[in-house]
């Protein structure tokens, strides 16, 4: 997630940066799936899954809001 944001921060336009933020949002969804899968395989304790999953969802929400605001400012 972070690598996509860092890579996109060097973009030439807000629209291009927004595309990298979109990739970061998708990576957050992928991360959430991997956490759920780890919990289901009992590789990750439930309490740890709840914490990490919650943090991942919050990061996704913040990234989405940032992307939305970036595109609004461009319009």
PDB file of N, CA and C in Angstrom:
ATOM      1  N   UNK A   1       0.824  -1.178   0.000  1.00  0.00           N
ATOM      2  CA  UNK A   1       0.000   0.000   0.000  1.00  0.00           C
ATOM      3  C   UNK A   1       0.873   1.247   0.000  1.00  0.00           C
ATOM      4  N   UNK A   2       1.788   1.307   0.925  1.00  0.00           N
ATOM      5  CA  UNK A   2       2.634   2.492   1.045  1.00  0.00           C
ATOM      6  C   UNK A   2       3.503   2.683  -0.196  1.00  0.00           C
ATOM      7  N   UNK A   3       4.007   1.596  -0.755  1.00  0.00           N
ATOM      8  CA  UNK A   3       4.872   1.709  -1.927  1.00  0.00           C
ATOM      9  C   UNK A   3       4.131   2.329  -3.103  1.00  0.00           C
ATOM     10  N   UNK A   4       2.864   2.001  -3.267  1.00  0.00           N
ATOM     11  CA  UNK A   4       2.073   2.600  -4.342  1.00  0.00           C
ATOM     12  C   UNK A   4       1.925   4.108  -4.136  1.00  0.00           C
ATOM     13  N   UNK A   5       1.699   4.517  -2.907  1.00  0.00           N
ATOM     14  CA  UNK A   5       1.537   5.940  -2.612  1.00  0.00           C
ATOM     15  C   UNK A   5       2.855   6.673  -2.854  1.00  0.00           C
ATOM     16  N   UNK A   6       3.951   6.101  -2.393  1.00  0.00           N
ATOM     17  CA  UNK A   6       5.262   6.730  -2.585  1.00  0.00           C
ATOM     18  C   UNK A   6       5.584   6.829  -4.070  1.00  0.00           C
ATOM     19  N   UNK A   7       5.348   5.761  -4.802  1.00  0.00           N
ATOM     20  CA  UNK A   7       5.620   5.791  -6.237  1.00  0.00           C
ATOM     21  C   UNK A   7       4.765   6.848  -6.930  1.00  0.00           C
ATOM     22  N   UNK A   8       3.506   6.921  -6.564  1.00  0.00           N
ATOM     23  CA  UNK A   8       2.600   7.882  -7.187  1.00  0.00           C
ATOM     24  C   UNK A   8       2.876   9.316  -6.811  1.00  0.00           C
ATOM     25  N   UNK A   9       3.534   9.534  -5.688  1.00  0.00           N
ATOM     26  CA  UNK A   9       3.797  10.910  -5.258  1.00  0.00           C
ATOM     27  C   UNK A   9       4.704  11.649  -6.232  1.00  0.00           C
ATOM     28  N   UNK A  10       5.407  10.922  -7.052  1.00  0.00           N
ATOM     29  CA  UNK A  10       6.248  11.537  -8.069  1.00  0.00           C
ATOM     30  C   UNK A  10       5.539  11.730  -9.397  1.00  0.00           C
ATOM     31  N   UNK A  11       4.238  11.502  -9.429  1.00  0.00           N
ATOM     32  CA  UNK A  11       3.467  11.618 -10.663  1.00  0.00           C
ATOM     33  C   UNK A  11       3.437  13.053 -11.166  1.00  0.00           C
ATOM     34  N   UNK A  12       3.265  13.192 -12.456  1.00  0.00           N
ATOM     35  CA  UNK A  12       3.250  14.519 -13.072  1.00  0.00           C
ATOM     36  C   UNK A  12       1.918  15.237 -12.920  1.00  0.00           C
ATOM     37  N   UNK A  13       0.855  14.490 -12.615  1.00  0.00           N
ATOM     38  CA  UNK A  13      -0.460  15.123 -12.493  1.00  0.00           C
ATOM     39  C   UNK A  13      -1.230  14.524 -11.323  1.00  0.00           C
ATOM     40  N   UNK A  14      -2.229  15.253 -10.878  1.00  0.00           N
ATOM     41  CA  UNK A  14      -3.087  14.762  -9.797  1.00  0.00           C
ATOM     42  C   UNK A  14      -3.839  13.514 -10.241  1.00  0.00           C
ATOM     43  N   UNK A  15      -4.265  13.482 -11.503  1.00  0.00           N
ATOM     44  CA  UNK A  15      -5.002  12.317 -12.006  1.00  0.00           C
ATOM     45  C   UNK A  15      -4.119  11.066 -11.989  1.00  0.00           C
ATOM     46  N   UNK A  16      -2.860  11.231 -12.361  1.00  0.00           N
ATOM     47  CA  UNK A  16      -1.933  10.094 -12.335  1.00  0.00           C
ATOM     48  C   UNK A  16      -1.676   9.644 -10.892  1.00  0.00           C
ATOM     49  N   UNK A  17      -1.502  10.606  -9.994  1.00  0.00           N
ATOM     50  CA  UNK A  17      -1.313  10.270  -8.583  1.00  0.00           C
ATOM     51  C   UNK A  17      -2.543   9.541  -8.054  1.00  0.00           C
ATOM     52  N   UNK A  18      -3.733   9.986  -8.454  1.00  0.00           N
ATOM     53  CA  UNK A  18      -4.977   9.338  -8.027  1.00  0.00           C
ATOM     54  C   UNK A  18      -5.016   7.873  -8.481  1.00  0.00           C
ATOM     55  N   UNK A  19      -4.432   7.599  -9.639  1.00  0.00           N
ATOM     56  CA  UNK A  19      -4.377   6.214 -10.128  1.00  0.00           C
ATOM     57  C   UNK A  19      -3.531   5.347  -9.195  1.00  0.00           C
ATOM     58  N   UNK A  20      -2.432   5.885  -8.692  1.00  0.00           N
ATOM     59  CA  UNK A  20      -1.608   5.138  -7.746  1.00  0.00           C
ATOM     60  C   UNK A  20      -2.329   4.969  -6.399  1.00  0.00           C
ATOM     61  N   UNK A  21      -3.079   5.988  -5.995  1.00  0.00           N
ATOM     62  CA  UNK A  21      -3.880   5.854  -4.773  1.00  0.00           C
ATOM     63  C   UNK A  21      -4.928   4.766  -4.943  1.00  0.00           C
ATOM     64  N   UNK A  22      -5.502   4.672  -6.143  1.00  0.00           N
ATOM     65  CA  UNK A  22      -6.467   3.609  -6.426  1.00  0.00           C
ATOM     66  C   UNK A  22      -5.812   2.229  -6.298  1.00  0.00           C
ATOM     67  N   UNK A  23      -4.592   2.109  -6.771  1.00  0.00           N
ATOM     68  CA  UNK A  23      -3.869   0.839  -6.624  1.00  0.00           C
ATOM     69  C   UNK A  23      -3.628   0.531  -5.147  1.00  0.00           C
ATOM     70  N   UNK A  24      -3.351   1.555  -4.368  1.00  0.00           N
ATOM     71  CA  UNK A  24      -3.145   1.372  -2.936  1.00  0.00           C
ATOM     72  C   UNK A  24      -4.428   0.901  -2.253  1.00  0.00           C
ATOM     73  N   UNK A  25      -5.557   1.448  -2.665  1.00  0.00           N
ATOM     74  CA  UNK A  25      -6.849   1.022  -2.125  1.00  0.00           C
ATOM     75  C   UNK A  25      -7.081  -0.457  -2.433  1.00  0.00           C
ATOM     76  N   UNK A  26      -6.768  -0.844  -3.652  1.00  0.00           N
ATOM     77  CA  UNK A  26      -6.919  -2.256  -4.044  1.00  0.00           C
ATOM     78  C   UNK A  26      -5.951  -3.147  -3.262  1.00  0.00           C
ATOM     79  N   UNK A  27      -4.752  -2.647  -3.012  1.00  0.00           N
ATOM     80  CA  UNK A  27      -3.789  -3.409  -2.206  1.00  0.00           C
ATOM     81  C   UNK A  27      -4.283  -3.582  -0.775  1.00  0.00           C
ATOM     82  N   UNK A  28      -4.987  -2.591  -0.254  1.00  0.00           N
ATOM     83  CA  UNK A  28      -5.557  -2.713   1.094  1.00  0.00           C
ATOM     84  C   UNK A  28      -6.600  -3.820   1.130  1.00  0.00           C
ATOM     85  N   UNK A  29      -7.411  -3.908   0.076  1.00  0.00           N
ATOM     86  CA  UNK A  29      -8.404  -4.987   0.008  1.00  0.00           C
ATOM     87  C   UNK A  29      -7.716  -6.343  -0.068  1.00  0.00           C
ATOM     88  N   UNK A  30      -6.645  -6.407  -0.824  1.00  0.00           N
ATOM     89  CA  UNK A  30      -5.875  -7.645  -0.932  1.00  0.00           C
ATOM     90  C   UNK A  30      -5.262  -8.010   0.421  1.00  0.00           C
ATOM     91  N   UNK A  31      -4.727  -7.030   1.118  1.00  0.00           N
ATOM     92  CA  UNK A  31      -4.151  -7.258   2.442  1.00  0.00           C
ATOM     93  C   UNK A  31      -5.208  -7.774   3.409  1.00  0.00           C
ATOM     94  N   UNK A  32      -6.383  -7.187   3.344  1.00  0.00           N
ATOM     95  CA  UNK A  32      -7.473  -7.635   4.212  1.00  0.00           C
ATOM     96  C   UNK A  32      -7.805  -9.106   3.952  1.00  0.00           C
ATOM     97  N   UNK A  33      -7.825  -9.494   2.679  1.00  0.00           N
ATOM     98  CA  UNK A  33      -8.076 -10.897   2.335  1.00  0.00           C
ATOM     99  C   UNK A  33      -6.978 -11.796   2.912  1.00  0.00           C
ATOM    100  N   UNK A  34      -5.715 -11.396   2.760  1.00  0.00           N
ATOM    101  CA  UNK A  34      -4.615 -12.226   3.268  1.00  0.00           C
ATOM    102  C   UNK A  34      -4.693 -12.373   4.789  1.00  0.00           C
ATOM    103  N   UNK A  35      -5.072 -11.317   5.472  1.00  0.00           N
ATOM    104  CA  UNK A  35      -5.240 -11.400   6.929  1.00  0.00           C
ATOM    105  C   UNK A  35      -6.356 -12.369   7.297  1.00  0.00           C
ATOM    106  N   UNK A  36      -7.460 -12.289   6.570  1.00  0.00           N
ATOM    107  CA  UNK A  36      -8.584 -13.195   6.822  1.00  0.00           C
ATOM    108  C   UNK A  36      -8.183 -14.644   6.559  1.00  0.00           C
ATOM    109  N   UNK A  37      -7.455 -14.844   5.479  1.00  0.00           N
ATOM    110  CA  UNK A  37      -6.988 -16.190   5.140  1.00  0.00           C
ATOM    111  C   UNK A  37      -6.051 -16.737   6.220  1.00  0.00           C
ATOM    112  N   UNK A  38      -5.155 -15.892   6.721  1.00  0.00           N
ATOM    113  CA  UNK A  38      -4.238 -16.307   7.786  1.00  0.00           C
ATOM    114  C   UNK A  38      -5.004 -16.666   9.055  1.00  0.00           C
ATOM    115  N   UNK A  39      -6.036 -15.887   9.353  1.00  0.00           N
ATOM    116  CA  UNK A  39      -6.854 -16.186  10.535  1.00  0.00           C
ATOM    117  C   UNK A  39      -7.584 -17.518  10.353  1.00  0.00           C
ATOM    118  N   UNK A  40      -8.152 -17.717   9.163  1.00  0.00           N
ATOM    119  CA  UNK A  40      -8.888 -18.950   8.897  1.00  0.00           C
ATOM    120  C   UNK A  40      -7.998 -20.187   8.949  1.00  0.00           C
ATOM    121  N   UNK A  41      -6.728 -20.028   8.595  1.00  0.00           N
ATOM    122  CA  UNK A  41      -5.776 -21.144   8.675  1.00  0.00           C
ATOM    123  C   UNK A  41      -5.168 -21.268  10.064  1.00  0.00           C
ATOM    124  N   UNK A  42      -5.625 -20.427  10.962  1.00  0.00           N
ATOM    125  CA  UNK A  42      -5.166 -20.376  12.350  1.00  0.00           C
ATOM    126  C   UNK A  42      -3.676 -20.030  12.447  1.00  0.00           C
ATOM    127  N   UNK A  43      -3.198 -19.252  11.471  1.00  0.00           N
ATOM    128  CA  UNK A  43      -1.831 -18.745  11.507  1.00  0.00           C
ATOM    129  C   UNK A  43      -1.763 -17.397  12.215  1.00  0.00           C
ATOM    130  N   UNK A  44      -2.933 -16.797  12.426  1.00  0.00           N
ATOM    131  CA  UNK A  44      -3.021 -15.480  13.041  1.00  0.00           C
ATOM    132  C   UNK A  44      -4.119 -15.529  14.100  1.00  0.00           C
ATOM    133  N   UNK A  45      -3.774 -15.232  15.344  1.00  0.00           N
ATOM    134  CA  UNK A  45      -4.789 -15.252  16.395  1.00  0.00           C
ATOM    135  C   UNK A  45      -5.910 -14.247  16.095  1.00  0.00           C
ATOM    136  N   UNK A  46      -7.110 -14.575  16.531  1.00  0.00           N
ATOM    137  CA  UNK A  46      -8.279 -13.757  16.247  1.00  0.00           C
ATOM    138  C   UNK A  46      -8.105 -12.312  16.715  1.00  0.00           C
ATOM    139  N   UNK A  47      -7.567 -12.122  17.904  1.00  0.00           N
ATOM    140  CA  UNK A  47      -7.405 -10.753  18.410  1.00  0.00           C
ATOM    141  C   UNK A  47      -6.440  -9.946  17.549  1.00  0.00           C
ATOM    142  N   UNK A  48      -5.401 -10.593  17.040  1.00  0.00           N
ATOM    143  CA  UNK A  48      -4.442  -9.909  16.174  1.00  0.00           C
ATOM    144  C   UNK A  48      -5.091  -9.615  14.823  1.00  0.00           C
ATOM    145  N   UNK A  49      -5.884 -10.562  14.306  1.00  0.00           N
ATOM    146  CA  UNK A  49      -6.598 -10.334  13.047  1.00  0.00           C
ATOM    147  C   UNK A  49      -7.529  -9.133  13.167  1.00  0.00           C
ATOM    148  N   UNK A  50      -8.268  -9.056  14.281  1.00  0.00           N
ATOM    149  CA  UNK A  50      -9.188  -7.941  14.467  1.00  0.00           C
ATOM    150  C   UNK A  50      -8.446  -6.610  14.437  1.00  0.00           C
ATOM    151  N   UNK A  51      -7.336  -6.536  15.116  1.00  0.00           N
ATOM    152  CA  UNK A  51      -6.560  -5.295  15.164  1.00  0.00           C
ATOM    153  C   UNK A  51      -6.016  -4.938  13.785  1.00  0.00           C
ATOM    154  N   UNK A  52      -5.342  -5.882  13.141  1.00  0.00           N
ATOM    155  CA  UNK A  52      -4.726  -5.604  11.848  1.00  0.00           C
ATOM    156  C   UNK A  52      -5.762  -5.341  10.760  1.00  0.00           C
ATOM    157  N   UNK A  53      -6.843  -6.081  10.798  1.00  0.00           N
ATOM    158  CA  UNK A  53      -7.906  -5.873   9.820  1.00  0.00           C
ATOM    159  C   UNK A  53      -8.528  -4.492   9.999  1.00  0.00           C
ATOM    160  N   UNK A  54      -8.766  -4.111  11.238  1.00  0.00           N
ATOM    161  CA  UNK A  54      -9.314  -2.784  11.520  1.00  0.00           C
ATOM    162  C   UNK A  54      -8.393  -1.673  11.041  1.00  0.00           C
ATOM    163  N   UNK A  55      -7.106  -1.838  11.257  1.00  0.00           N
ATOM    164  CA  UNK A  55      -6.133  -0.839  10.804  1.00  0.00           C
ATOM    165  C   UNK A  55      -6.107  -0.765   9.275  1.00  0.00           C
ATOM    166  N   UNK A  56      -6.196  -1.914   8.637  1.00  0.00           N
ATOM    167  CA  UNK A  56      -6.193  -1.958   7.177  1.00  0.00           C
ATOM    168  C   UNK A  56      -7.417  -1.256   6.607  1.00  0.00           C
ATOM    169  N   UNK A  57      -8.571  -1.498   7.198  1.00  0.00           N
ATOM    170  CA  UNK A  57      -9.807  -0.844   6.756  1.00  0.00           C
ATOM    171  C   UNK A  57      -9.688   0.670   6.941  1.00  0.00           C
ATOM    172  N   UNK A  58      -9.135   1.100   8.057  1.00  0.00           N
ATOM    173  CA  UNK A  58      -8.982   2.535   8.313  1.00  0.00           C
ATOM    174  C   UNK A  58      -8.027   3.178   7.316  1.00  0.00           C
ATOM    175  N   UNK A  59      -6.939   2.510   7.010  1.00  0.00           N
ATOM    176  CA  UNK A  59      -5.990   3.024   6.023  1.00  0.00           C
ATOM    177  C   UNK A  59      -6.665   3.118   4.660  1.00  0.00           C
ATOM    178  N   UNK A  60      -7.452   2.124   4.308  1.00  0.00           N
ATOM    179  CA  UNK A  60      -8.167   2.152   3.026  1.00  0.00           C
ATOM    180  C   UNK A  60      -9.131   3.337   2.988  1.00  0.00           C
ATOM    181  N   UNK A  61      -9.852   3.578   4.057  1.00  0.00           N
ATOM    182  CA  UNK A  61     -10.791   4.707   4.123  1.00  0.00           C
ATOM    183  C   UNK A  61     -10.058   6.039   3.971  1.00  0.00           C
ATOM    184  N   UNK A  62      -8.936   6.180   4.658  1.00  0.00           N
ATOM    185  CA  UNK A  62      -8.170   7.421   4.572  1.00  0.00           C
ATOM    186  C   UNK A  62      -7.629   7.633   3.155  1.00  0.00           C
ATOM    187  N   UNK A  63      -7.141   6.570   2.550  1.00  0.00           N
ATOM    188  CA  UNK A  63      -6.605   6.669   1.192  1.00  0.00           C
ATOM    189  C   UNK A  63      -7.706   7.021   0.207  1.00  0.00           C
ATOM    190  N   UNK A  64      -8.874   6.417   0.375  1.00  0.00           N
ATOM    191  CA  UNK A  64     -10.014   6.720  -0.493  1.00  0.00           C
ATOM    192  C   UNK A  64     -10.410   8.194  -0.354  1.00  0.00           C
ATOM    193  N   UNK A  65     -10.475   8.682   0.872  1.00  0.00           N
ATOM    194  CA  UNK A  65     -10.842  10.084   1.103  1.00  0.00           C
ATOM    195  C   UNK A  65      -9.796  11.015   0.494  1.00  0.00           C
ATOM    196  N   UNK A  66      -8.539  10.672   0.613  1.00  0.00           N
ATOM    197  CA  UNK A  66      -7.467  11.483   0.039  1.00  0.00           C
ATOM    198  C   UNK A  66      -7.597  11.517  -1.482  1.00  0.00           C
ATOM    199  N   UNK A  67      -7.825  10.352  -2.083  1.00  0.00           N
ATOM    200  CA  UNK A  67      -7.995  10.268  -3.540  1.00  0.00           C
ATOM    201  C   UNK A  67      -9.186  11.106  -3.992  1.00  0.00           C
ATOM    202  N   UNK A  68     -10.281  10.984  -3.290  1.00  0.00           N
ATOM    203  CA  UNK A  68     -11.492  11.736  -3.633  1.00  0.00           C
ATOM    204  C   UNK A  68     -11.225  13.242  -3.572  1.00  0.00           C
ATOM    205  N   UNK A  69     -10.572  13.691  -2.511  1.00  0.00           N
ATOM    206  CA  UNK A  69     -10.281  15.117  -2.343  1.00  0.00           C
ATOM    207  C   UNK A  69      -9.313  15.612  -3.417  1.00  0.00           C
ATOM    208  N   UNK A  70      -8.325  14.798  -3.736  1.00  0.00           N
ATOM    209  CA  UNK A  70      -7.361  15.151  -4.780  1.00  0.00           C
ATOM    210  C   UNK A  70      -8.063  15.376  -6.106  1.00  0.00           C
ATOM    211  N   UNK A  71      -8.989  14.493  -6.459  1.00  0.00           N
ATOM    212  CA  UNK A  71      -9.707  14.630  -7.722  1.00  0.00           C
ATOM    213  C   UNK A  71     -10.680  15.800  -7.695  1.00  0.00           C
ATOM    214  N   UNK A  72     -11.262  16.082  -6.529  1.00  0.00           N
ATOM    215  CA  UNK A  72     -12.158  17.245  -6.408  1.00  0.00           C
ATOM    216  C   UNK A  72     -11.382  18.538  -6.610  1.00  0.00           C
ATOM    217  N   UNK A  73     -10.188  18.607  -6.074  1.00  0.00           N
ATOM    218  CA  UNK A  73      -9.374  19.814  -6.196  1.00  0.00           C
ATOM    219  C   UNK A  73      -8.922  20.030  -7.650  1.00  0.00           C
ATOM    220  N   UNK A  74      -8.779  18.942  -8.361  1.00  0.00           N
ATOM    221  CA  UNK A  74      -8.348  19.034  -9.752  1.00  0.00           C
ATOM    222  C   UNK A  74      -9.486  19.536 -10.635  1.00  0.00           C
ATOM    223  N   UNK A  75     -10.708  19.219 -10.288  1.00  0.00           N
ATOM    224  CA  UNK A  75     -11.861  19.581 -11.127  1.00  0.00           C
ATOM    225  C   UNK A  75     -12.149  21.058 -11.143  1.00  0.00           C
TER     226      UNK A  75
END
